[in-house]
Amino acid sequence: MKKVILSVVLIIGIGVAANAHIQNRNQIQQDQKTVSAQQPQNDGFKEVKFEELNEKVQAAVRIVAESYEINSLQYNAEKQITKVEATKKDDQSKKTFYFDAEGNEITMDADPIHPE
């Protein structure tokens, strides 16, 4: 009888320990998600209003807006680059556009893309 009681207590103890471990692991995962969501992107871009952009960049953004919903407009004054985050109207895919001061679309790691 002592062995049965000891076995039951041991099984309950293992179950409680396993449950505590699972809850702790879930809390750690939640904390990691919270930390990563709260870390701001430190890429030098600041929110900007459409009216504050120069005419050439405004024209480029208008072209994007024909096919995309504009989610945010950001400007990096040091690099003179406008960042446009947008969602495509037909398939809801997301895309980030970058424009130089002349309204030309560029990639962040390469030379400007000039239409021919």
PDB file of N, CA and C in Angstrom:
ATOM      1  N   MET A   1       0.824  -1.189   0.000  1.00  0.00           N
ATOM      2  CA  MET A   1       0.000   0.000   0.000  1.00  0.00           C
ATOM      3  C   MET A   1       0.870   1.255   0.000  1.00  0.00           C
ATOM      4  N   LYS A   2       1.973   1.223   0.750  1.00  0.00           N
ATOM      5  CA  LYS A   2       2.871   2.374   0.783  1.00  0.00           C
ATOM      6  C   LYS A   2       3.460   2.635  -0.601  1.00  0.00           C
ATOM      7  N   LYS A   3       3.762   1.551  -1.312  1.00  0.00           N
ATOM      8  CA  LYS A   3       4.337   1.706  -2.646  1.00  0.00           C
ATOM      9  C   LYS A   3       3.322   2.338  -3.604  1.00  0.00           C
ATOM     10  N   VAL A   4       2.054   1.982  -3.476  1.00  0.00           N
ATOM     11  CA  VAL A   4       1.010   2.541  -4.333  1.00  0.00           C
ATOM     12  C   VAL A   4       0.868   4.032  -4.065  1.00  0.00           C
ATOM     13  N   ILE A   5       0.799   4.402  -2.793  1.00  0.00           N
ATOM     14  CA  ILE A   5       0.665   5.819  -2.424  1.00  0.00           C
ATOM     15  C   ILE A   5       1.893   6.591  -2.890  1.00  0.00           C
ATOM     16  N   LEU A   6       3.070   6.021  -2.675  1.00  0.00           N
ATOM     17  CA  LEU A   6       4.309   6.668  -3.101  1.00  0.00           C
ATOM     18  C   LEU A   6       4.335   6.834  -4.626  1.00  0.00           C
ATOM     19  N   SER A   7       3.869   5.836  -5.350  1.00  0.00           N
ATOM     20  CA  SER A   7       3.824   5.904  -6.814  1.00  0.00           C
ATOM     21  C   SER A   7       2.863   6.995  -7.280  1.00  0.00           C
ATOM     22  N   VAL A   8       1.682   7.092  -6.648  1.00  0.00           N
ATOM     23  CA  VAL A   8       0.702   8.114  -7.013  1.00  0.00           C
ATOM     24  C   VAL A   8       1.269   9.505  -6.750  1.00  0.00           C
ATOM     25  N   VAL A   9       1.893   9.690  -5.591  1.00  0.00           N
ATOM     26  CA  VAL A   9       2.486  10.987  -5.250  1.00  0.00           C
ATOM     27  C   VAL A   9       3.596  11.331  -6.243  1.00  0.00           C
ATOM     28  N   LEU A  10       4.395  10.355  -6.593  1.00  0.00           N
ATOM     29  CA  LEU A  10       5.486  10.571  -7.539  1.00  0.00           C
ATOM     30  C   LEU A  10       4.943  10.957  -8.924  1.00  0.00           C
ATOM     31  N   ILE A  11       3.900  10.291  -9.388  1.00  0.00           N
ATOM     32  CA  ILE A  11       3.294  10.599 -10.687  1.00  0.00           C
ATOM     33  C   ILE A  11       2.689  11.998 -10.676  1.00  0.00           C
ATOM     34  N   ILE A  12       1.999  12.349  -9.600  1.00  0.00           N
ATOM     35  CA  ILE A  12       1.415  13.694  -9.489  1.00  0.00           C
ATOM     36  C   ILE A  12       2.523  14.746  -9.485  1.00  0.00           C
ATOM     37  N   GLY A  13       3.603  14.471  -8.760  1.00  0.00           N
ATOM     38  CA  GLY A  13       4.736  15.405  -8.707  1.00  0.00           C
ATOM     39  C   GLY A  13       5.360  15.622 -10.078  1.00  0.00           C
ATOM     40  N   ILE A  14       5.528  14.553 -10.825  1.00  0.00           N
ATOM     41  CA  ILE A  14       6.098  14.662 -12.171  1.00  0.00           C
ATOM     42  C   ILE A  14       5.151  15.453 -13.073  1.00  0.00           C
ATOM     43  N   GLY A  15       3.854  15.194 -12.953  1.00  0.00           N
ATOM     44  CA  GLY A  15       2.868  15.924 -13.758  1.00  0.00           C
ATOM     45  C   GLY A  15       2.884  17.414 -13.457  1.00  0.00           C
ATOM     46  N   VAL A  16       2.960  17.774 -12.180  1.00  0.00           N
ATOM     47  CA  VAL A  16       3.000  19.185 -11.787  1.00  0.00           C
ATOM     48  C   VAL A  16       4.277  19.839 -12.313  1.00  0.00           C
ATOM     49  N   ALA A  17       5.404  19.147 -12.196  1.00  0.00           N
ATOM     50  CA  ALA A  17       6.674  19.697 -12.675  1.00  0.00           C
ATOM     51  C   ALA A  17       6.645  19.897 -14.193  1.00  0.00           C
ATOM     52  N   ALA A  18       6.095  18.935 -14.912  1.00  0.00           N
ATOM     53  CA  ALA A  18       6.012  19.052 -16.370  1.00  0.00           C
ATOM     54  C   ALA A  18       5.108  20.215 -16.765  1.00  0.00           C
ATOM     55  N   ASN A  19       3.991  20.368 -16.081  1.00  0.00           N
ATOM     56  CA  ASN A  19       3.069  21.463 -16.364  1.00  0.00           C
ATOM     57  C   ASN A  19       3.741  22.814 -16.105  1.00  0.00           C
ATOM     58  N   ALA A  20       4.479  22.919 -15.009  1.00  0.00           N
ATOM     59  CA  ALA A  20       5.178  24.162 -14.687  1.00  0.00           C
ATOM     60  C   ALA A  20       6.218  24.481 -15.759  1.00  0.00           C
ATOM     61  N   HIS A  21       6.906  23.454 -16.238  1.00  0.00           N
ATOM     62  CA  HIS A  21       7.916  23.651 -17.280  1.00  0.00           C
ATOM     63  C   HIS A  21       7.265  24.153 -18.574  1.00  0.00           C
ATOM     64  N   ILE A  22       6.139  23.582 -18.950  1.00  0.00           N
ATOM     65  CA  ILE A  22       5.436  23.991 -20.172  1.00  0.00           C
ATOM     66  C   ILE A  22       4.954  25.433 -20.049  1.00  0.00           C
ATOM     67  N   GLN A  23       4.385  25.790 -18.894  1.00  0.00           N
ATOM     68  CA  GLN A  23       3.912  27.158 -18.693  1.00  0.00           C
ATOM     69  C   GLN A  23       5.076  28.144 -18.738  1.00  0.00           C
ATOM     70  N   ASN A  24       6.207  27.770 -18.154  1.00  0.00           N
ATOM     71  CA  ASN A  24       7.382  28.635 -18.159  1.00  0.00           C
ATOM     72  C   ASN A  24       7.889  28.833 -19.588  1.00  0.00           C
ATOM     73  N   ARG A  25       7.934  27.761 -20.362  1.00  0.00           N
ATOM     74  CA  ARG A  25       8.395  27.844 -21.747  1.00  0.00           C
ATOM     75  C   ARG A  25       7.456  28.733 -22.566  1.00  0.00           C
ATOM     76  N   ASN A  26       6.151  28.599 -22.378  1.00  0.00           N
ATOM     77  CA  ASN A  26       5.186  29.436 -23.096  1.00  0.00           C
ATOM     78  C   ASN A  26       5.345  30.904 -22.725  1.00  0.00           C
ATOM     79  N   GLN A  27       5.599  31.181 -21.450  1.00  0.00           N
ATOM     80  CA  GLN A  27       5.788  32.560 -21.005  1.00  0.00           C
ATOM     81  C   GLN A  27       7.054  33.154 -21.621  1.00  0.00           C
ATOM     82  N   ILE A  28       8.110  32.362 -21.700  1.00  0.00           N
ATOM     83  CA  ILE A  28       9.355  32.839 -22.306  1.00  0.00           C
ATOM     84  C   ILE A  28       9.127  33.162 -23.778  1.00  0.00           C
ATOM     85  N   GLN A  29       8.412  32.297 -24.495  1.00  0.00           N
ATOM     86  CA  GLN A  29       8.128  32.555 -25.902  1.00  0.00           C
ATOM     87  C   GLN A  29       7.302  33.825 -26.062  1.00  0.00           C
ATOM     88  N   GLN A  30       6.326  34.019 -25.195  1.00  0.00           N
ATOM     89  CA  GLN A  30       5.502  35.227 -25.256  1.00  0.00           C
ATOM     90  C   GLN A  30       6.350  36.461 -24.977  1.00  0.00           C
ATOM     91  N   ASP A  31       7.245  36.377 -23.994  1.00  0.00           N
ATOM     92  CA  ASP A  31       8.118  37.502 -23.676  1.00  0.00           C
ATOM     93  C   ASP A  31       9.029  37.839 -24.852  1.00  0.00           C
ATOM     94  N   GLN A  32       9.539  36.821 -25.538  1.00  0.00           N
ATOM     95  CA  GLN A  32      10.406  37.062 -26.689  1.00  0.00           C
ATOM     96  C   GLN A  32       9.636  37.760 -27.803  1.00  0.00           C
ATOM     97  N   LYS A  33       8.386  37.369 -28.029  1.00  0.00           N
ATOM     98  CA  LYS A  33       7.570  38.018 -29.050  1.00  0.00           C
ATOM     99  C   LYS A  33       7.321  39.471 -28.686  1.00  0.00           C
ATOM    100  N   THR A  34       7.065  39.731 -27.415  1.00  0.00           N
ATOM    101  CA  THR A  34       6.800  41.090 -26.963  1.00  0.00           C
ATOM    102  C   THR A  34       8.028  41.963 -27.148  1.00  0.00           C
ATOM    103  N   VAL A  35       9.195  41.451 -26.785  1.00  0.00           N
ATOM    104  CA  VAL A  35      10.428  42.220 -26.918  1.00  0.00           C
ATOM    105  C   VAL A  35      10.710  42.527 -28.379  1.00  0.00           C
ATOM    106  N   SER A  36      10.585  41.542 -29.254  1.00  0.00           N
ATOM    107  CA  SER A  36      10.879  41.780 -30.668  1.00  0.00           C
ATOM    108  C   SER A  36       9.864  42.736 -31.286  1.00  0.00           C
ATOM    109  N   ALA A  37       8.624  42.703 -30.848  1.00  0.00           N
ATOM    110  CA  ALA A  37       7.612  43.607 -31.387  1.00  0.00           C
ATOM    111  C   ALA A  37       7.827  45.034 -30.905  1.00  0.00           C
ATOM    112  N   GLN A  38       8.450  45.204 -29.754  1.00  0.00           N
ATOM    113  CA  GLN A  38       8.637  46.532 -29.199  1.00  0.00           C
ATOM    114  C   GLN A  38       9.937  47.181 -29.645  1.00  0.00           C
ATOM    115  N   GLN A  39      10.841  46.431 -30.269  1.00  0.00           N
ATOM    116  CA  GLN A  39      12.091  47.003 -30.714  1.00  0.00           C
ATOM    117  C   GLN A  39      11.856  47.809 -31.985  1.00  0.00           C
ATOM    118  N   PRO A  40      12.118  49.099 -31.944  1.00  0.00           N
ATOM    119  CA  PRO A  40      11.899  49.912 -33.131  1.00  0.00           C
ATOM    120  C   PRO A  40      12.986  49.656 -34.172  1.00  0.00           C
ATOM    121  N   GLN A  41      12.623  49.852 -35.433  1.00  0.00           N
ATOM    122  CA  GLN A  41      13.623  49.749 -36.478  1.00  0.00           C
ATOM    123  C   GLN A  41      14.431  51.034 -36.450  1.00  0.00           C
ATOM    124  N   ASN A  42      15.720  50.895 -36.288  1.00  0.00           N
ATOM    125  CA  ASN A  42      16.586  52.064 -36.220  1.00  0.00           C
ATOM    126  C   ASN A  42      17.271  52.235 -37.568  1.00  0.00           C
ATOM    127  N   ASP A  43      16.482  52.546 -38.604  1.00  0.00           N
ATOM    128  CA  ASP A  43      17.036  52.683 -39.939  1.00  0.00           C
ATOM    129  C   ASP A  43      17.068  54.133 -40.418  1.00  0.00           C
ATOM    130  N   GLY A  44      16.765  55.076 -39.524  1.00  0.00           N
ATOM    131  CA  GLY A  44      16.853  56.488 -39.870  1.00  0.00           C
ATOM    132  C   GLY A  44      15.622  57.068 -40.537  1.00  0.00           C
ATOM    133  N   PHE A  45      14.590  56.267 -40.764  1.00  0.00           N
ATOM    134  CA  PHE A  45      13.373  56.753 -41.411  1.00  0.00           C
ATOM    135  C   PHE A  45      12.395  57.277 -40.368  1.00  0.00           C
ATOM    136  N   LYS A  46      11.767  58.400 -40.693  1.00  0.00           N
ATOM    137  CA  LYS A  46      10.758  59.019 -39.825  1.00  0.00           C
ATOM    138  C   LYS A  46       9.461  59.159 -40.614  1.00  0.00           C
ATOM    139  N   GLU A  47       8.337  59.021 -39.913  1.00  0.00           N
ATOM    140  CA  GLU A  47       7.027  59.187 -40.554  1.00  0.00           C
ATOM    141  C   GLU A  47       6.941  60.582 -41.183  1.00  0.00           C
ATOM    142  N   VAL A  48       6.308  60.653 -42.338  1.00  0.00           N
ATOM    143  CA  VAL A  48       6.178  61.918 -43.054  1.00  0.00           C
ATOM    144  C   VAL A  48       4.795  61.967 -43.711  1.00  0.00           C
ATOM    145  N   LYS A  49       4.267  63.171 -43.892  1.00  0.00           N
ATOM    146  CA  LYS A  49       2.989  63.344 -44.584  1.00  0.00           C
ATOM    147  C   LYS A  49       3.251  63.464 -46.081  1.00  0.00           C
ATOM    148  N   PHE A  50       2.289  63.016 -46.859  1.00  0.00           N
ATOM    149  CA  PHE A  50       2.404  63.053 -48.319  1.00  0.00           C
ATOM    150  C   PHE A  50       2.730  64.464 -48.809  1.00  0.00           C
ATOM    151  N   GLU A  51       2.081  65.470 -48.233  1.00  0.00           N
ATOM    152  CA  GLU A  51       2.256  66.855 -48.656  1.00  0.00           C
ATOM    153  C   GLU A  51       3.669  67.360 -48.405  1.00  0.00           C
ATOM    154  N   GLU A  52       4.403  66.725 -47.494  1.00  0.00           N
ATOM    155  CA  GLU A  52       5.758  67.160 -47.165  1.00  0.00           C
ATOM    156  C   GLU A  52       6.799  66.635 -48.159  1.00  0.00           C
ATOM    157  N   LEU A  53       6.409  65.698 -49.013  1.00  0.00           N
ATOM    158  CA  LEU A  53       7.332  65.148 -50.006  1.00  0.00           C
ATOM    159  C   LEU A  53       7.433  66.095 -51.199  1.00  0.00           C
ATOM    160  N   ASN A  54       8.578  66.051 -51.902  1.00  0.00           N
ATOM    161  CA  ASN A  54       8.697  66.906 -53.086  1.00  0.00           C
ATOM    162  C   ASN A  54       7.801  66.374 -54.210  1.00  0.00           C
ATOM    163  N   GLU A  55       7.574  67.200 -55.229  1.00  0.00           N
ATOM    164  CA  GLU A  55       6.610  66.873 -56.285  1.00  0.00           C
ATOM    165  C   GLU A  55       6.969  65.599 -57.041  1.00  0.00           C
ATOM    166  N   LYS A  56       8.259  65.364 -57.280  1.00  0.00           N
ATOM    167  CA  LYS A  56       8.673  64.178 -58.032  1.00  0.00           C
ATOM    168  C   LYS A  56       8.376  62.902 -57.251  1.00  0.00           C
ATOM    169  N   VAL A  57       8.628  62.939 -55.949  1.00  0.00           N
ATOM    170  CA  VAL A  57       8.351  61.766 -55.114  1.00  0.00           C
ATOM    171  C   VAL A  57       6.841  61.587 -54.973  1.00  0.00           C
ATOM    172  N   GLN A  58       6.103  62.684 -54.843  1.00  0.00           N
ATOM    173  CA  GLN A  58       4.642  62.591 -54.783  1.00  0.00           C
ATOM    174  C   GLN A  58       4.093  61.920 -56.038  1.00  0.00           C
ATOM    175  N   ALA A  59       4.633  62.268 -57.200  1.00  0.00           N
ATOM    176  CA  ALA A  59       4.177  61.660 -58.454  1.00  0.00           C
ATOM    177  C   ALA A  59       4.458  60.160 -58.453  1.00  0.00           C
ATOM    178  N   ALA A  60       5.628  59.764 -57.956  1.00  0.00           N
ATOM    179  CA  ALA A  60       5.974  58.340 -57.898  1.00  0.00           C
ATOM    180  C   ALA A  60       5.047  57.595 -56.945  1.00  0.00           C
ATOM    181  N   VAL A  61       4.725  58.216 -55.814  1.00  0.00           N
ATOM    182  CA  VAL A  61       3.825  57.587 -54.840  1.00  0.00           C
ATOM    183  C   VAL A  61       2.419  57.464 -55.430  1.00  0.00           C
ATOM    184  N   ARG A  62       1.990  58.451 -56.191  1.00  0.00           N
ATOM    185  CA  ARG A  62       0.669  58.371 -56.839  1.00  0.00           C
ATOM    186  C   ARG A  62       0.595  57.179 -57.794  1.00  0.00           C
ATOM    187  N   ILE A  63       1.685  56.922 -58.512  1.00  0.00           N
ATOM    188  CA  ILE A  63       1.720  55.771 -59.425  1.00  0.00           C
ATOM    189  C   ILE A  63       1.597  54.471 -58.637  1.00  0.00           C
ATOM    190  N   VAL A  64       2.309  54.382 -57.518  1.00  0.00           N
ATOM    191  CA  VAL A  64       2.215  53.191 -56.663  1.00  0.00           C
ATOM    192  C   VAL A  64       0.787  53.035 -56.151  1.00  0.00           C
ATOM    193  N   ALA A  65       0.161  54.154 -55.779  1.00  0.00           N
ATOM    194  CA  ALA A  65      -1.185  54.127 -55.193  1.00  0.00           C
ATOM    195  C   ALA A  65      -2.252  53.647 -56.177  1.00  0.00           C
ATOM    196  N   GLU A  66      -1.933  53.595 -57.467  1.00  0.00           N
ATOM    197  CA  GLU A  66      -2.900  53.078 -58.436  1.00  0.00           C
ATOM    198  C   GLU A  66      -3.153  51.586 -58.222  1.00  0.00           C
ATOM    199  N   SER A  67      -2.119  50.852 -57.801  1.00  0.00           N
ATOM    200  CA  SER A  67      -2.240  49.400 -57.608  1.00  0.00           C
ATOM    201  C   SER A  67      -2.124  48.972 -56.154  1.00  0.00           C
ATOM    202  N   TYR A  68      -1.672  49.876 -55.297  1.00  0.00           N
ATOM    203  CA  TYR A  68      -1.405  49.532 -53.904  1.00  0.00           C
ATOM    204  C   TYR A  68      -2.117  50.488 -52.958  1.00  0.00           C
ATOM    205  N   GLU A  69      -2.478  49.971 -51.780  1.00  0.00           N
ATOM    206  CA  GLU A  69      -2.925  50.813 -50.665  1.00  0.00           C
ATOM    207  C   GLU A  69      -1.660  51.248 -49.931  1.00  0.00           C
ATOM    208  N   ILE A  70      -1.500  52.525 -49.691  1.00  0.00           N
ATOM    209  CA  ILE A  70      -0.316  53.021 -48.998  1.00  0.00           C
ATOM    210  C   ILE A  70      -0.521  52.837 -47.498  1.00  0.00           C
ATOM    211  N   ASN A  71       0.387  52.096 -46.859  1.00  0.00           N
ATOM    212  CA  ASN A  71       0.302  51.851 -45.419  1.00  0.00           C
ATOM    213  C   ASN A  71       1.082  52.887 -44.626  1.00  0.00           C
ATOM    214  N   SER A  72       2.257  53.260 -45.123  1.00  0.00           N
ATOM    215  CA  SER A  72       3.036  54.273 -44.416  1.00  0.00           C
ATOM    216  C   SER A  72       4.007  54.952 -45.366  1.00  0.00           C
ATOM    217  N   LEU A  73       4.289  56.207 -45.058  1.00  0.00           N
ATOM    218  CA  LEU A  73       5.288  56.992 -45.774  1.00  0.00           C
ATOM    219  C   LEU A  73       6.337  57.408 -44.763  1.00  0.00           C
ATOM    220  N   GLN A  74       7.593  57.132 -45.079  1.00  0.00           N
ATOM    221  CA  GLN A  74       8.687  57.506 -44.189  1.00  0.00           C
ATOM    222  C   GLN A  74       9.798  58.139 -45.008  1.00  0.00           C
ATOM    223  N   TYR A  75      10.554  59.028 -44.363  1.00  0.00           N
ATOM    224  CA  TYR A  75      11.619  59.742 -45.068  1.00  0.00           C
ATOM    225  C   TYR A  75      12.887  59.713 -44.241  1.00  0.00           C
ATOM    226  N   ASN A  76      14.010  59.471 -44.909  1.00  0.00           N
ATOM    227  CA  ASN A  76      15.321  59.523 -44.280  1.00  0.00           C
ATOM    228  C   ASN A  76      16.005  60.775 -44.810  1.00  0.00           C
ATOM    229  N   ALA A  77      16.078  61.807 -43.970  1.00  0.00           N
ATOM    230  CA  ALA A  77      16.619  63.092 -44.403  1.00  0.00           C
ATOM    231  C   ALA A  77      18.106  62.993 -44.734  1.00  0.00           C
ATOM    232  N   GLU A  78      18.839  62.180 -44.006  1.00  0.00           N
ATOM    233  CA  GLU A  78      20.279  62.049 -44.232  1.00  0.00           C
ATOM    234  C   GLU A  78      20.567  61.469 -45.619  1.00  0.00           C
ATOM    235  N   LYS A  79      19.825  60.439 -45.997  1.00  0.00           N
ATOM    236  CA  LYS A  79      20.040  59.778 -47.288  1.00  0.00           C
ATOM    237  C   LYS A  79      19.129  60.319 -48.387  1.00  0.00           C
ATOM    238  N   GLN A  80      18.167  61.146 -48.015  1.00  0.00           N
ATOM    239  CA  GLN A  80      17.168  61.703 -48.932  1.00  0.00           C
ATOM    240  C   GLN A  80      16.438  60.590 -49.685  1.00  0.00           C
ATOM    241  N   ILE A  81      15.963  59.606 -48.915  1.00  0.00           N
ATOM    242  CA  ILE A  81      15.239  58.471 -49.473  1.00  0.00           C
ATOM    243  C   ILE A  81      13.863  58.400 -48.824  1.00  0.00           C
ATOM    244  N   THR A  82      12.858  58.173 -49.642  1.00  0.00           N
ATOM    245  CA  THR A  82      11.494  57.986 -49.155  1.00  0.00           C
ATOM    246  C   THR A  82      11.169  56.503 -49.180  1.00  0.00           C
ATOM    247  N   LYS A  83      10.616  56.014 -48.080  1.00  0.00           N
ATOM    248  CA  LYS A  83      10.232  54.606 -47.947  1.00  0.00           C
ATOM    249  C   LYS A  83       8.708  54.544 -47.941  1.00  0.00           C
ATOM    250  N   VAL A  84       8.153  53.721 -48.823  1.00  0.00           N
ATOM    251  CA  VAL A  84       6.705  53.573 -48.939  1.00  0.00           C
ATOM    252  C   VAL A  84       6.358  52.113 -48.687  1.00  0.00           C
ATOM    253  N   GLU A  85       5.601  51.858 -47.624  1.00  0.00           N
ATOM    254  CA  GLU A  85       5.126  50.503 -47.345  1.00  0.00           C
ATOM    255  C   GLU A  85       3.693  50.419 -47.846  1.00  0.00           C
ATOM    256  N   ALA A  86       3.426  49.381 -48.667  1.00  0.00           N
ATOM    257  CA  ALA A  86       2.128  49.312 -49.335  1.00  0.00           C
ATOM    258  C   ALA A  86       1.625  47.877 -49.414  1.00  0.00           C
ATOM    259  N   THR A  87       0.297  47.752 -49.578  1.00  0.00           N
ATOM    260  CA  THR A  87      -0.360  46.455 -49.750  1.00  0.00           C
ATOM    261  C   THR A  87      -1.057  46.455 -51.101  1.00  0.00           C
ATOM    262  N   LYS A  88      -0.763  45.446 -51.913  1.00  0.00           N
ATOM    263  CA  LYS A  88      -1.347  45.357 -53.256  1.00  0.00           C
ATOM    264  C   LYS A  88      -2.856  45.155 -53.139  1.00  0.00           C
ATOM    265  N   LYS A  89      -3.606  45.886 -53.922  1.00  0.00           N
ATOM    266  CA  LYS A  89      -5.066  45.869 -53.823  1.00  0.00           C
ATOM    267  C   LYS A  89      -5.680  44.537 -54.214  1.00  0.00           C
ATOM    268  N   ASP A  90      -5.123  43.858 -55.231  1.00  0.00           N
ATOM    269  CA  ASP A  90      -5.777  42.640 -55.706  1.00  0.00           C
ATOM    270  C   ASP A  90      -5.439  41.389 -54.907  1.00  0.00           C
ATOM    271  N   ASP A  91      -4.207  41.247 -54.424  1.00  0.00           N
ATOM    272  CA  ASP A  91      -3.866  40.005 -53.711  1.00  0.00           C
ATOM    273  C   ASP A  91      -3.395  40.214 -52.271  1.00  0.00           C
ATOM    274  N   GLN A  92      -3.413  41.449 -51.795  1.00  0.00           N
ATOM    275  CA  GLN A  92      -3.070  41.794 -50.413  1.00  0.00           C
ATOM    276  C   GLN A  92      -1.617  41.486 -50.047  1.00  0.00           C
ATOM    277  N   SER A  93      -0.735  41.333 -51.040  1.00  0.00           N
ATOM    278  CA  SER A  93       0.684  41.135 -50.744  1.00  0.00           C
ATOM    279  C   SER A  93       1.291  42.479 -50.341  1.00  0.00           C
ATOM    280  N   LYS A  94       2.290  42.425 -49.486  1.00  0.00           N
ATOM    281  CA  LYS A  94       2.922  43.645 -48.991  1.00  0.00           C
ATOM    282  C   LYS A  94       4.246  43.869 -49.710  1.00  0.00           C
ATOM    283  N   LYS A  95       4.570  45.148 -49.939  1.00  0.00           N
ATOM    284  CA  LYS A  95       5.815  45.495 -50.609  1.00  0.00           C
ATOM    285  C   LYS A  95       6.305  46.820 -50.064  1.00  0.00           C
ATOM    286  N   THR A  96       7.618  46.964 -50.011  1.00  0.00           N
ATOM    287  CA  THR A  96       8.231  48.219 -49.598  1.00  0.00           C
ATOM    288  C   THR A  96       8.947  48.817 -50.799  1.00  0.00           C
ATOM    289  N   PHE A  97       8.623  50.061 -51.102  1.00  0.00           N
ATOM    290  CA  PHE A  97       9.250  50.795 -52.198  1.00  0.00           C
ATOM    291  C   PHE A  97      10.183  51.840 -51.604  1.00  0.00           C
ATOM    292  N   TYR A  98      11.275  52.120 -52.303  1.00  0.00           N
ATOM    293  CA  TYR A  98      12.200  53.183 -51.916  1.00  0.00           C
ATOM    294  C   TYR A  98      12.373  54.109 -53.112  1.00  0.00           C
ATOM    295  N   PHE A  99      12.299  55.424 -52.853  1.00  0.00           N
ATOM    296  CA  PHE A  99      12.457  56.410 -53.914  1.00  0.00           C
ATOM    297  C   PHE A  99      13.534  57.411 -53.527  1.00  0.00           C
ATOM    298  N   ASP A 100      14.361  57.800 -54.521  1.00  0.00           N
ATOM    299  CA  ASP A 100      15.346  58.843 -54.273  1.00  0.00           C
ATOM    300  C   ASP A 100      14.658  60.205 -54.396  1.00  0.00           C
ATOM    301  N   ALA A 101      15.425  61.286 -54.266  1.00  0.00           N
ATOM    302  CA  ALA A 101      14.858  62.634 -54.283  1.00  0.00           C
ATOM    303  C   ALA A 101      14.256  62.997 -55.637  1.00  0.00           C
ATOM    304  N   GLU A 102      14.643  62.279 -56.693  1.00  0.00           N
ATOM    305  CA  GLU A 102      14.114  62.542 -58.030  1.00  0.00           C
ATOM    306  C   GLU A 102      12.861  61.721 -58.337  1.00  0.00           C
ATOM    307  N   GLY A 103      12.430  60.886 -57.383  1.00  0.00           N
ATOM    308  CA  GLY A 103      11.245  60.064 -57.595  1.00  0.00           C
ATOM    309  C   GLY A 103      11.530  58.756 -58.302  1.00  0.00           C
ATOM    310  N   ASN A 104      12.816  58.414 -58.446  1.00  0.00           N
ATOM    311  CA  ASN A 104      13.192  57.145 -59.071  1.00  0.00           C
ATOM    312  C   ASN A 104      13.163  56.040 -58.031  1.00  0.00           C
ATOM    313  N   GLU A 105      12.584  54.885 -58.385  1.00  0.00           N
ATOM    314  CA  GLU A 105      12.582  53.757 -57.461  1.00  0.00           C
ATOM    315  C   GLU A 105      13.996  53.199 -57.371  1.00  0.00           C
ATOM    316  N   ILE A 106      14.430  52.928 -56.156  1.00  0.00           N
ATOM    317  CA  ILE A 106      15.763  52.376 -55.931  1.00  0.00           C
ATOM    318  C   ILE A 106      15.654  51.152 -55.039  1.00  0.00           C
ATOM    319  N   THR A 107      16.720  50.362 -55.023  1.00  0.00           N
ATOM    320  CA  THR A 107      16.844  49.297 -54.038  1.00  0.00           C
ATOM    321  C   THR A 107      17.852  49.789 -53.020  1.00  0.00           C
ATOM    322  N   MET A 108      17.721  49.369 -51.806  1.00  0.00           N
ATOM    323  CA  MET A 108      18.580  49.896 -50.749  1.00  0.00           C
ATOM    324  C   MET A 108      20.033  49.448 -50.876  1.00  0.00           C
ATOM    325  N   ASP A 109      20.309  48.356 -51.586  1.00  0.00           N
ATOM    326  CA  ASP A 109      21.672  47.849 -51.675  1.00  0.00           C
ATOM    327  C   ASP A 109      22.292  48.023 -53.052  1.00  0.00           C
ATOM    328  N   ALA A 110      21.613  48.710 -53.946  1.00  0.00           N
ATOM    329  CA  ALA A 110      22.128  48.811 -55.315  1.00  0.00           C
ATOM    330  C   ALA A 110      21.918  50.217 -55.859  1.00  0.00           C
ATOM    331  N   ASP A 111      22.250  50.385 -57.118  1.00  0.00           N
ATOM    332  CA  ASP A 111      22.095  51.664 -57.791  1.00  0.00           C
ATOM    333  C   ASP A 111      20.626  51.925 -58.109  1.00  0.00           C
ATOM    334  N   PRO A 112      20.268  53.168 -58.403  1.00  0.00           N
ATOM    335  CA  PRO A 112      18.881  53.477 -58.753  1.00  0.00           C
ATOM    336  C   PRO A 112      18.412  52.694 -59.974  1.00  0.00           C
ATOM    337  N   ILE A 113      17.127  52.398 -59.993  1.00  0.00           N
ATOM    338  CA  ILE A 113      16.507  51.725 -61.130  1.00  0.00           C
ATOM    339  C   ILE A 113      15.902  52.813 -62.004  1.00  0.00           C
ATOM    340  N   HIS A 114      16.409  52.950 -63.215  1.00  0.00           N
ATOM    341  CA  HIS A 114      15.893  53.978 -64.120  1.00  0.00           C
ATOM    342  C   HIS A 114      15.079  53.318 -65.214  1.00  0.00           C
ATOM    343  N   PRO A 115      13.835  53.743 -65.412  1.00  0.00           N
ATOM    344  CA  PRO A 115      13.025  53.162 -66.491  1.00  0.00           C
ATOM    345  C   PRO A 115      13.604  53.544 -67.849  1.00  0.00           C
ATOM    346  N   GLU A 116      13.485  52.641 -68.818  1.00  0.00           N
ATOM    347  CA  GLU A 116      14.036  52.901 -70.156  1.00  0.00           C
ATOM    348  C   GLU A 116      12.971  53.362 -71.105  1.00  0.00           C
TER     349      GLU A 116
END
